[in-house]
Amino acid sequence: MQAGNGRRIGRLTVIVGEASGHSPEHLAEDLTAAAKGTPAEGAALELVVEKLAARCARCGAAFAPKPLVLACPACGSAELTITAGQQVRLDRVEAQ
């Protein structure tokens, strides 16, 4: 990873979705290993856990689903769109 102009990367911020299937601890180990020998080696790593969020396709209510209960609390519909909490994404890179 190159920050540009030969600068080193000082901090990486990664969003880890609660339902992404990735453990923040294991992801930190993997990212640290992947950064060895790159401008990101030694960079501070900030992992932010994003809570699972959904929106009801029927009534439009936004809510945080409870584990194993994927139904809208407002109308009971199971027609949902997950709106957050399923991804792992690089949110920010800060160069030194």
PDB file of N, CA and C in Angstrom:
ATOM      1  N   MET A   1       0.846  -1.179   0.000  1.00  0.00           N
ATOM      2  CA  MET A   1       0.000   0.000   0.000  1.00  0.00           C
ATOM      3  C   MET A   1       0.883   1.231   0.000  1.00  0.00           C
ATOM      4  N   GLN A   2       0.645   2.102  -0.887  1.00  0.00           N
ATOM      5  CA  GLN A   2       1.452   3.310  -0.960  1.00  0.00           C
ATOM      6  C   GLN A   2       0.568   4.519  -0.741  1.00  0.00           C
ATOM      7  N   ALA A   3       0.991   5.383   0.136  1.00  0.00           N
ATOM      8  CA  ALA A   3       0.210   6.560   0.495  1.00  0.00           C
ATOM      9  C   ALA A   3       0.384   7.680  -0.513  1.00  0.00           C
ATOM     10  N   GLY A   4       1.332   7.593  -1.396  1.00  0.00           N
ATOM     11  CA  GLY A   4       1.583   8.652  -2.363  1.00  0.00           C
ATOM     12  C   GLY A   4       2.800   9.458  -1.962  1.00  0.00           C
ATOM     13  N   ASN A   5       3.589   9.855  -2.929  1.00  0.00           N
ATOM     14  CA  ASN A   5       4.806  10.631  -2.686  1.00  0.00           C
ATOM     15  C   ASN A   5       5.751   9.932  -1.715  1.00  0.00           C
ATOM     16  N   GLY A   6       5.698   8.603  -1.665  1.00  0.00           N
ATOM     17  CA  GLY A   6       6.594   7.855  -0.797  1.00  0.00           C
ATOM     18  C   GLY A   6       6.278   7.949   0.681  1.00  0.00           C
ATOM     19  N   ARG A   7       5.161   8.541   1.037  1.00  0.00           N
ATOM     20  CA  ARG A   7       4.804   8.677   2.460  1.00  0.00           C
ATOM     21  C   ARG A   7       4.294   7.350   3.007  1.00  0.00           C
ATOM     22  N   ARG A   8       4.446   7.187   4.293  1.00  0.00           N
ATOM     23  CA  ARG A   8       3.970   5.984   4.964  1.00  0.00           C
ATOM     24  C   ARG A   8       2.528   6.198   5.414  1.00  0.00           C
ATOM     25  N   ILE A   9       1.836   5.104   5.568  1.00  0.00           N
ATOM     26  CA  ILE A   9       0.462   5.154   6.066  1.00  0.00           C
ATOM     27  C   ILE A   9       0.518   5.119   7.581  1.00  0.00           C
ATOM     28  N   GLY A  10      -0.117   6.096   8.220  1.00  0.00           N
ATOM     29  CA  GLY A  10      -0.085   6.195   9.676  1.00  0.00           C
ATOM     30  C   GLY A  10      -1.263   5.537  10.358  1.00  0.00           C
ATOM     31  N   ARG A  11      -2.407   5.503   9.677  1.00  0.00           N
ATOM     32  CA  ARG A  11      -3.611   4.932  10.291  1.00  0.00           C
ATOM     33  C   ARG A  11      -4.535   4.393   9.211  1.00  0.00           C
ATOM     34  N   LEU A  12      -5.124   3.241   9.491  1.00  0.00           N
ATOM     35  CA  LEU A  12      -6.166   2.653   8.654  1.00  0.00           C
ATOM     36  C   LEU A  12      -7.416   2.504   9.507  1.00  0.00           C
ATOM     37  N   THR A  13      -8.543   2.947   9.000  1.00  0.00           N
ATOM     38  CA  THR A  13      -9.813   2.757   9.690  1.00  0.00           C
ATOM     39  C   THR A  13     -10.654   1.820   8.839  1.00  0.00           C
ATOM     40  N   VAL A  14     -11.085   0.708   9.439  1.00  0.00           N
ATOM     41  CA  VAL A  14     -11.851  -0.308   8.733  1.00  0.00           C
ATOM     42  C   VAL A  14     -13.179  -0.520   9.457  1.00  0.00           C
ATOM     43  N   ILE A  15     -14.262  -0.504   8.684  1.00  0.00           N
ATOM     44  CA  ILE A  15     -15.591  -0.766   9.227  1.00  0.00           C
ATOM     45  C   ILE A  15     -15.859  -2.260   9.086  1.00  0.00           C
ATOM     46  N   VAL A  16     -16.224  -2.916  10.198  1.00  0.00           N
ATOM     47  CA  VAL A  16     -16.510  -4.351  10.199  1.00  0.00           C
ATOM     48  C   VAL A  16     -17.969  -4.529  10.586  1.00  0.00           C
ATOM     49  N   GLY A  17     -18.777  -4.999   9.653  1.00  0.00           N
ATOM     50  CA  GLY A  17     -20.192  -5.209   9.924  1.00  0.00           C
ATOM     51  C   GLY A  17     -20.410  -6.317  10.930  1.00  0.00           C
ATOM     52  N   GLU A  18     -21.326  -6.078  11.846  1.00  0.00           N
ATOM     53  CA  GLU A  18     -21.668  -7.043  12.892  1.00  0.00           C
ATOM     54  C   GLU A  18     -22.058  -8.404  12.292  1.00  0.00           C
ATOM     55  N   ALA A  19     -22.698  -8.397  11.128  1.00  0.00           N
ATOM     56  CA  ALA A  19     -23.134  -9.633  10.475  1.00  0.00           C
ATOM     57  C   ALA A  19     -22.288  -9.947   9.236  1.00  0.00           C
ATOM     58  N   SER A  20     -21.056  -9.442   9.195  1.00  0.00           N
ATOM     59  CA  SER A  20     -20.194  -9.657   8.030  1.00  0.00           C
ATOM     60  C   SER A  20     -19.598 -11.056   8.010  1.00  0.00           C
ATOM     61  N   GLY A  21     -19.588 -11.708   9.154  1.00  0.00           N
ATOM     62  CA  GLY A  21     -18.952 -13.019   9.240  1.00  0.00           C
ATOM     63  C   GLY A  21     -17.473 -12.936   9.545  1.00  0.00           C
ATOM     64  N   HIS A  22     -16.975 -11.711   9.807  1.00  0.00           N
ATOM     65  CA  HIS A  22     -15.556 -11.520  10.101  1.00  0.00           C
ATOM     66  C   HIS A  22     -15.376 -11.074  11.546  1.00  0.00           C
ATOM     67  N   SER A  23     -14.456 -11.708  12.221  1.00  0.00           N
ATOM     68  CA  SER A  23     -14.112 -11.338  13.581  1.00  0.00           C
ATOM     69  C   SER A  23     -13.142 -10.167  13.537  1.00  0.00           C
ATOM     70  N   PRO A  24     -13.431  -9.070  14.254  1.00  0.00           N
ATOM     71  CA  PRO A  24     -12.492  -7.943  14.271  1.00  0.00           C
ATOM     72  C   PRO A  24     -11.084  -8.363  14.705  1.00  0.00           C
ATOM     73  N   GLU A  25     -10.992  -9.292  15.643  1.00  0.00           N
ATOM     74  CA  GLU A  25      -9.682  -9.734  16.130  1.00  0.00           C
ATOM     75  C   GLU A  25      -8.898 -10.432  15.023  1.00  0.00           C
ATOM     76  N   HIS A  26      -9.560 -11.345  14.296  1.00  0.00           N
ATOM     77  CA  HIS A  26      -8.874 -12.051  13.220  1.00  0.00           C
ATOM     78  C   HIS A  26      -8.557 -11.116  12.056  1.00  0.00           C
ATOM     79  N   LEU A  27      -9.455 -10.193  11.771  1.00  0.00           N
ATOM     80  CA  LEU A  27      -9.220  -9.228  10.705  1.00  0.00           C
ATOM     81  C   LEU A  27      -8.003  -8.368  11.035  1.00  0.00           C
ATOM     82  N   ALA A  28      -7.861  -7.967  12.292  1.00  0.00           N
ATOM     83  CA  ALA A  28      -6.699  -7.171  12.708  1.00  0.00           C
ATOM     84  C   ALA A  28      -5.415  -7.958  12.486  1.00  0.00           C
ATOM     85  N   GLU A  29      -5.419  -9.244  12.837  1.00  0.00           N
ATOM     86  CA  GLU A  29      -4.237 -10.078  12.623  1.00  0.00           C
ATOM     87  C   GLU A  29      -3.910 -10.183  11.140  1.00  0.00           C
ATOM     88  N   ASP A  30      -4.941 -10.401  10.314  1.00  0.00           N
ATOM     89  CA  ASP A  30      -4.729 -10.547   8.871  1.00  0.00           C
ATOM     90  C   ASP A  30      -4.214  -9.257   8.241  1.00  0.00           C
ATOM     91  N   LEU A  31      -4.791  -8.122   8.631  1.00  0.00           N
ATOM     92  CA  LEU A  31      -4.352  -6.847   8.070  1.00  0.00           C
ATOM     93  C   LEU A  31      -2.928  -6.505   8.500  1.00  0.00           C
ATOM     94  N   THR A  32      -2.584  -6.819   9.740  1.00  0.00           N
ATOM     95  CA  THR A  32      -1.221  -6.578  10.225  1.00  0.00           C
ATOM     96  C   THR A  32      -0.225  -7.417   9.435  1.00  0.00           C
ATOM     97  N   ALA A  33      -0.572  -8.675   9.194  1.00  0.00           N
ATOM     98  CA  ALA A  33       0.312  -9.547   8.415  1.00  0.00           C
ATOM     99  C   ALA A  33       0.426  -9.074   6.969  1.00  0.00           C
ATOM    100  N   ALA A  34      -0.689  -8.631   6.381  1.00  0.00           N
ATOM    101  CA  ALA A  34      -0.690  -8.173   4.988  1.00  0.00           C
ATOM    102  C   ALA A  34       0.113  -6.880   4.812  1.00  0.00           C
ATOM    103  N   ALA A  35       0.217  -6.078   5.862  1.00  0.00           N
ATOM    104  CA  ALA A  35       0.906  -4.784   5.777  1.00  0.00           C
ATOM    105  C   ALA A  35       2.426  -4.915   5.861  1.00  0.00           C
ATOM    106  N   LYS A  36       2.925  -6.067   6.289  1.00  0.00           N
ATOM    107  CA  LYS A  36       4.385  -6.229   6.444  1.00  0.00           C
ATOM    108  C   LYS A  36       5.095  -5.967   5.128  1.00  0.00           C
ATOM    109  N   GLY A  37       6.125  -5.141   5.200  1.00  0.00           N
ATOM    110  CA  GLY A  37       6.919  -4.817   4.029  1.00  0.00           C
ATOM    111  C   GLY A  37       6.281  -3.793   3.104  1.00  0.00           C
ATOM    112  N   THR A  38       5.199  -3.149   3.551  1.00  0.00           N
ATOM    113  CA  THR A  38       4.521  -2.128   2.752  1.00  0.00           C
ATOM    114  C   THR A  38       4.542  -0.806   3.515  1.00  0.00           C
ATOM    115  N   PRO A  39       4.179   0.302   2.868  1.00  0.00           N
ATOM    116  CA  PRO A  39       4.113   1.574   3.594  1.00  0.00           C
ATOM    117  C   PRO A  39       3.096   1.567   4.745  1.00  0.00           C
ATOM    118  N   ALA A  40       2.256   0.545   4.815  1.00  0.00           N
ATOM    119  CA  ALA A  40       1.269   0.458   5.900  1.00  0.00           C
ATOM    120  C   ALA A  40       1.809  -0.308   7.111  1.00  0.00           C
ATOM    121  N   GLU A  41       3.011  -0.871   6.999  1.00  0.00           N
ATOM    122  CA  GLU A  41       3.567  -1.613   8.132  1.00  0.00           C
ATOM    123  C   GLU A  41       3.715  -0.676   9.326  1.00  0.00           C
ATOM    124  N   GLY A  42       3.203  -1.092  10.465  1.00  0.00           N
ATOM    125  CA  GLY A  42       3.278  -0.295  11.683  1.00  0.00           C
ATOM    126  C   GLY A  42       2.170   0.744  11.816  1.00  0.00           C
ATOM    127  N   ALA A  43       1.292   0.844  10.828  1.00  0.00           N
ATOM    128  CA  ALA A  43       0.199   1.820  10.900  1.00  0.00           C
ATOM    129  C   ALA A  43      -0.778   1.448  12.015  1.00  0.00           C
ATOM    130  N   ALA A  44      -1.337   2.453  12.640  1.00  0.00           N
ATOM    131  CA  ALA A  44      -2.380   2.212  13.634  1.00  0.00           C
ATOM    132  C   ALA A  44      -3.601   1.677  12.896  1.00  0.00           C
ATOM    133  N   LEU A  45      -4.253   0.709  13.477  1.00  0.00           N
ATOM    134  CA  LEU A  45      -5.427   0.101  12.863  1.00  0.00           C
ATOM    135  C   LEU A  45      -6.628   0.328  13.769  1.00  0.00           C
ATOM    136  N   GLU A  46      -7.625   1.001  13.229  1.00  0.00           N
ATOM    137  CA  GLU A  46      -8.861   1.239  13.971  1.00  0.00           C
ATOM    138  C   GLU A  46      -9.961   0.410  13.319  1.00  0.00           C
ATOM    139  N   LEU A  47     -10.522  -0.535  14.076  1.00  0.00           N
ATOM    140  CA  LEU A  47     -11.630  -1.351  13.588  1.00  0.00           C
ATOM    141  C   LEU A  47     -12.908  -0.863  14.260  1.00  0.00           C
ATOM    142  N   VAL A  48     -13.868  -0.464  13.457  1.00  0.00           N
ATOM    143  CA  VAL A  48     -15.143   0.053  13.965  1.00  0.00           C
ATOM    144  C   VAL A  48     -16.217  -0.965  13.619  1.00  0.00           C
ATOM    145  N   VAL A  49     -16.908  -1.482  14.627  1.00  0.00           N
ATOM    146  CA  VAL A  49     -17.976  -2.456  14.401  1.00  0.00           C
ATOM    147  C   VAL A  49     -19.268  -1.711  14.070  1.00  0.00           C
ATOM    148  N   GLU A  50     -19.830  -2.049  12.919  1.00  0.00           N
ATOM    149  CA  GLU A  50     -21.082  -1.431  12.473  1.00  0.00           C
ATOM    150  C   GLU A  50     -22.237  -2.364  12.840  1.00  0.00           C
ATOM    151  N   LYS A  51     -23.199  -1.845  13.562  1.00  0.00           N
ATOM    152  CA  LYS A  51     -24.362  -2.629  13.984  1.00  0.00           C
ATOM    153  C   LYS A  51     -25.229  -2.994  12.781  1.00  0.00           C
ATOM    154  N   LEU A  52     -25.896  -4.112  12.878  1.00  0.00           N
ATOM    155  CA  LEU A  52     -26.813  -4.555  11.843  1.00  0.00           C
ATOM    156  C   LEU A  52     -28.028  -3.636  11.842  1.00  0.00           C
ATOM    157  N   ALA A  53     -28.434  -3.199  10.657  1.00  0.00           N
ATOM    158  CA  ALA A  53     -29.603  -2.330  10.514  1.00  0.00           C
ATOM    159  C   ALA A  53     -30.430  -2.819   9.337  1.00  0.00           C
ATOM    160  N   ALA A  54     -31.736  -2.580   9.395  1.00  0.00           N
ATOM    161  CA  ALA A  54     -32.634  -3.021   8.327  1.00  0.00           C
ATOM    162  C   ALA A  54     -33.738  -1.999   8.119  1.00  0.00           C
ATOM    163  N   ARG A  55     -34.398  -2.137   6.968  1.00  0.00           N
ATOM    164  CA  ARG A  55     -35.567  -1.304   6.656  1.00  0.00           C
ATOM    165  C   ARG A  55     -36.647  -2.244   6.143  1.00  0.00           C
ATOM    166  N   CYS A  56     -37.852  -2.057   6.629  1.00  0.00           N
ATOM    167  CA  CYS A  56     -38.979  -2.875   6.215  1.00  0.00           C
ATOM    168  C   CYS A  56     -39.415  -2.472   4.806  1.00  0.00           C
ATOM    169  N   ALA A  57     -39.541  -3.463   3.922  1.00  0.00           N
ATOM    170  CA  ALA A  57     -39.965  -3.190   2.546  1.00  0.00           C
ATOM    171  C   ALA A  57     -41.449  -2.838   2.484  1.00  0.00           C
ATOM    172  N   ARG A  58     -42.206  -3.259   3.476  1.00  0.00           N
ATOM    173  CA  ARG A  58     -43.644  -3.001   3.466  1.00  0.00           C
ATOM    174  C   ARG A  58     -43.997  -1.616   4.007  1.00  0.00           C
ATOM    175  N   CYS A  59     -43.505  -1.303   5.219  1.00  0.00           N
ATOM    176  CA  CYS A  59     -43.922  -0.041   5.851  1.00  0.00           C
ATOM    177  C   CYS A  59     -42.825   1.013   5.909  1.00  0.00           C
ATOM    178  N   GLY A  60     -41.579   0.628   5.571  1.00  0.00           N
ATOM    179  CA  GLY A  60     -40.481   1.583   5.548  1.00  0.00           C
ATOM    180  C   GLY A  60     -39.808   1.834   6.885  1.00  0.00           C
ATOM    181  N   ALA A  61     -40.229   1.150   7.930  1.00  0.00           N
ATOM    182  CA  ALA A  61     -39.630   1.351   9.257  1.00  0.00           C
ATOM    183  C   ALA A  61     -38.161   0.921   9.245  1.00  0.00           C
ATOM    184  N   ALA A  62     -37.306   1.729   9.841  1.00  0.00           N
ATOM    185  CA  ALA A  62     -35.887   1.393  10.002  1.00  0.00           C
ATOM    186  C   ALA A  62     -35.696   0.877  11.421  1.00  0.00           C
ATOM    187  N   PHE A  63     -34.905  -0.193  11.555  1.00  0.00           N
ATOM    188  CA  PHE A  63     -34.728  -0.784  12.882  1.00  0.00           C
ATOM    189  C   PHE A  63     -33.471  -1.632  12.922  1.00  0.00           C
ATOM    190  N   ALA A  64     -33.069  -2.004  14.124  1.00  0.00           N
ATOM    191  CA  ALA A  64     -31.937  -2.903  14.351  1.00  0.00           C
ATOM    192  C   ALA A  64     -32.511  -4.286  14.645  1.00  0.00           C
ATOM    193  N   PRO A  65     -32.366  -5.238  13.707  1.00  0.00           N
ATOM    194  CA  PRO A  65     -32.911  -6.577  13.939  1.00  0.00           C
ATOM    195  C   PRO A  65     -32.268  -7.248  15.147  1.00  0.00           C
ATOM    196  N   LYS A  66     -33.053  -7.998  15.869  1.00  0.00           N
ATOM    197  CA  LYS A  66     -32.531  -8.787  16.984  1.00  0.00           C
ATOM    198  C   LYS A  66     -32.032 -10.113  16.416  1.00  0.00           C
ATOM    199  N   PRO A  67     -31.052 -10.730  17.053  1.00  0.00           N
ATOM    200  CA  PRO A  67     -30.533 -12.007  16.547  1.00  0.00           C
ATOM    201  C   PRO A  67     -31.658 -13.025  16.334  1.00  0.00           C
ATOM    202  N   LEU A  68     -31.640 -13.628  15.165  1.00  0.00           N
ATOM    203  CA  LEU A  68     -32.597 -14.670  14.766  1.00  0.00           C
ATOM    204  C   LEU A  68     -34.032 -14.188  14.650  1.00  0.00           C
ATOM    205  N   VAL A  69     -34.288 -12.882  14.729  1.00  0.00           N
ATOM    206  CA  VAL A  69     -35.639 -12.344  14.563  1.00  0.00           C
ATOM    207  C   VAL A  69     -35.565 -11.310  13.436  1.00  0.00           C
ATOM    208  N   LEU A  70     -35.853 -11.749  12.227  1.00  0.00           N
ATOM    209  CA  LEU A  70     -35.780 -10.842  11.092  1.00  0.00           C
ATOM    210  C   LEU A  70     -37.197 -10.468  10.650  1.00  0.00           C
ATOM    211  N   ALA A  71     -37.856  -9.732  11.496  1.00  0.00           N
ATOM    212  CA  ALA A  71     -39.203  -9.244  11.196  1.00  0.00           C
ATOM    213  C   ALA A  71     -39.294  -7.794  11.652  1.00  0.00           C
ATOM    214  N   CYS A  72     -40.074  -7.025  10.924  1.00  0.00           N
ATOM    215  CA  CYS A  72     -40.264  -5.616  11.251  1.00  0.00           C
ATOM    216  C   CYS A  72     -41.023  -5.488  12.560  1.00  0.00           C
ATOM    217  N   PRO A  73     -40.490  -4.738  13.519  1.00  0.00           N
ATOM    218  CA  PRO A  73     -41.195  -4.572  14.789  1.00  0.00           C
ATOM    219  C   PRO A  73     -42.440  -3.686  14.651  1.00  0.00           C
ATOM    220  N   ALA A  74     -42.529  -2.901  13.578  1.00  0.00           N
ATOM    221  CA  ALA A  74     -43.677  -2.005  13.405  1.00  0.00           C
ATOM    222  C   ALA A  74     -44.879  -2.732  12.808  1.00  0.00           C
ATOM    223  N   CYS A  75     -44.640  -3.595  11.783  1.00  0.00           N
ATOM    224  CA  CYS A  75     -45.780  -4.223  11.112  1.00  0.00           C
ATOM    225  C   CYS A  75     -45.700  -5.741  11.054  1.00  0.00           C
ATOM    226  N   GLY A  76     -44.559  -6.331  11.467  1.00  0.00           N
ATOM    227  CA  GLY A  76     -44.413  -7.784  11.487  1.00  0.00           C
ATOM    228  C   GLY A  76     -43.965  -8.394  10.165  1.00  0.00           C
ATOM    229  N   SER A  77     -43.785  -7.605   9.136  1.00  0.00           N
ATOM    230  CA  SER A  77     -43.380  -8.122   7.828  1.00  0.00           C
ATOM    231  C   SER A  77     -41.973  -8.705   7.877  1.00  0.00           C
ATOM    232  N   ALA A  78     -41.760  -9.776   7.105  1.00  0.00           N
ATOM    233  CA  ALA A  78     -40.433 -10.376   6.977  1.00  0.00           C
ATOM    234  C   ALA A  78     -39.757  -9.909   5.689  1.00  0.00           C
ATOM    235  N   GLU A  79     -40.362  -8.977   4.975  1.00  0.00           N
ATOM    236  CA  GLU A  79     -39.782  -8.425   3.746  1.00  0.00           C
ATOM    237  C   GLU A  79     -38.867  -7.271   4.139  1.00  0.00           C
ATOM    238  N   LEU A  80     -37.578  -7.586   4.303  1.00  0.00           N
ATOM    239  CA  LEU A  80     -36.627  -6.602   4.816  1.00  0.00           C
ATOM    240  C   LEU A  80     -35.492  -6.379   3.838  1.00  0.00           C
ATOM    241  N   THR A  81     -34.904  -5.217   3.931  1.00  0.00           N
ATOM    242  CA  THR A  81     -33.658  -4.910   3.245  1.00  0.00           C
ATOM    243  C   THR A  81     -32.641  -4.594   4.327  1.00  0.00           C
ATOM    244  N   ILE A  82     -31.550  -5.361   4.376  1.00  0.00           N
ATOM    245  CA  ILE A  82     -30.487  -5.074   5.340  1.00  0.00           C
ATOM    246  C   ILE A  82     -29.761  -3.832   4.824  1.00  0.00           C
ATOM    247  N   THR A  83     -29.664  -2.812   5.650  1.00  0.00           N
ATOM    248  CA  THR A  83     -29.077  -1.542   5.227  1.00  0.00           C
ATOM    249  C   THR A  83     -27.690  -1.283   5.791  1.00  0.00           C
ATOM    250  N   ALA A  84     -27.267  -2.040   6.776  1.00  0.00           N
ATOM    251  CA  ALA A  84     -25.937  -1.855   7.358  1.00  0.00           C
ATOM    252  C   ALA A  84     -25.569  -3.097   8.155  1.00  0.00           C
ATOM    253  N   GLY A  85     -24.264  -3.299   8.320  1.00  0.00           N
ATOM    254  CA  GLY A  85     -23.783  -4.345   9.209  1.00  0.00           C
ATOM    255  C   GLY A  85     -23.376  -5.638   8.532  1.00  0.00           C
ATOM    256  N   GLN A  86     -23.364  -5.695   7.188  1.00  0.00           N
ATOM    257  CA  GLN A  86     -22.976  -6.928   6.507  1.00  0.00           C
ATOM    258  C   GLN A  86     -21.637  -6.820   5.785  1.00  0.00           C
ATOM    259  N   GLN A  87     -20.998  -5.677   5.804  1.00  0.00           N
ATOM    260  CA  GLN A  87     -19.794  -5.465   5.012  1.00  0.00           C
ATOM    261  C   GLN A  87     -18.552  -5.301   5.868  1.00  0.00           C
ATOM    262  N   VAL A  88     -17.427  -5.454   5.202  1.00  0.00           N
ATOM    263  CA  VAL A  88     -16.139  -5.013   5.729  1.00  0.00           C
ATOM    264  C   VAL A  88     -15.630  -4.037   4.681  1.00  0.00           C
ATOM    265  N   ARG A  89     -15.328  -2.794   5.102  1.00  0.00           N
ATOM    266  CA  ARG A  89     -14.868  -1.827   4.115  1.00  0.00           C
ATOM    267  C   ARG A  89     -13.807  -0.910   4.728  1.00  0.00           C
ATOM    268  N   LEU A  90     -12.872  -0.524   3.883  1.00  0.00           N
ATOM    269  CA  LEU A  90     -11.854   0.442   4.278  1.00  0.00           C
ATOM    270  C   LEU A  90     -12.506   1.805   4.272  1.00  0.00           C
ATOM    271  N   ASP A  91     -12.525   2.453   5.405  1.00  0.00           N
ATOM    272  CA  ASP A  91     -13.219   3.731   5.541  1.00  0.00           C
ATOM    273  C   ASP A  91     -12.275   4.916   5.365  1.00  0.00           C
ATOM    274  N   ARG A  92     -11.047   4.793   5.877  1.00  0.00           N
ATOM    275  CA  ARG A  92     -10.130   5.943   5.842  1.00  0.00           C
ATOM    276  C   ARG A  92      -8.691   5.463   5.882  1.00  0.00           C
ATOM    277  N   VAL A  93      -7.845   6.158   5.126  1.00  0.00           N
ATOM    278  CA  VAL A  93      -6.402   5.944   5.152  1.00  0.00           C
ATOM    279  C   VAL A  93      -5.771   7.291   5.442  1.00  0.00           C
ATOM    280  N   GLU A  94      -4.941   7.356   6.471  1.00  0.00           N
ATOM    281  CA  GLU A  94      -4.263   8.607   6.824  1.00  0.00           C
ATOM    282  C   GLU A  94      -2.763   8.417   6.630  1.00  0.00           C
ATOM    283  N   ALA A  95      -2.172   9.282   5.815  1.00  0.00           N
ATOM    284  CA  ALA A  95      -0.727   9.217   5.567  1.00  0.00           C
ATOM    285  C   ALA A  95       0.013  10.037   6.615  1.00  0.00           C
ATOM    286  N   GLN A  96       1.276   9.703   6.792  1.00  0.00           N
ATOM    287  CA  GLN A  96       2.124  10.451   7.729  1.00  0.00           C
ATOM    288  C   GLN A  96       2.911  11.476   6.986  1.00  0.00           C
TER     289      GLN A  96
END
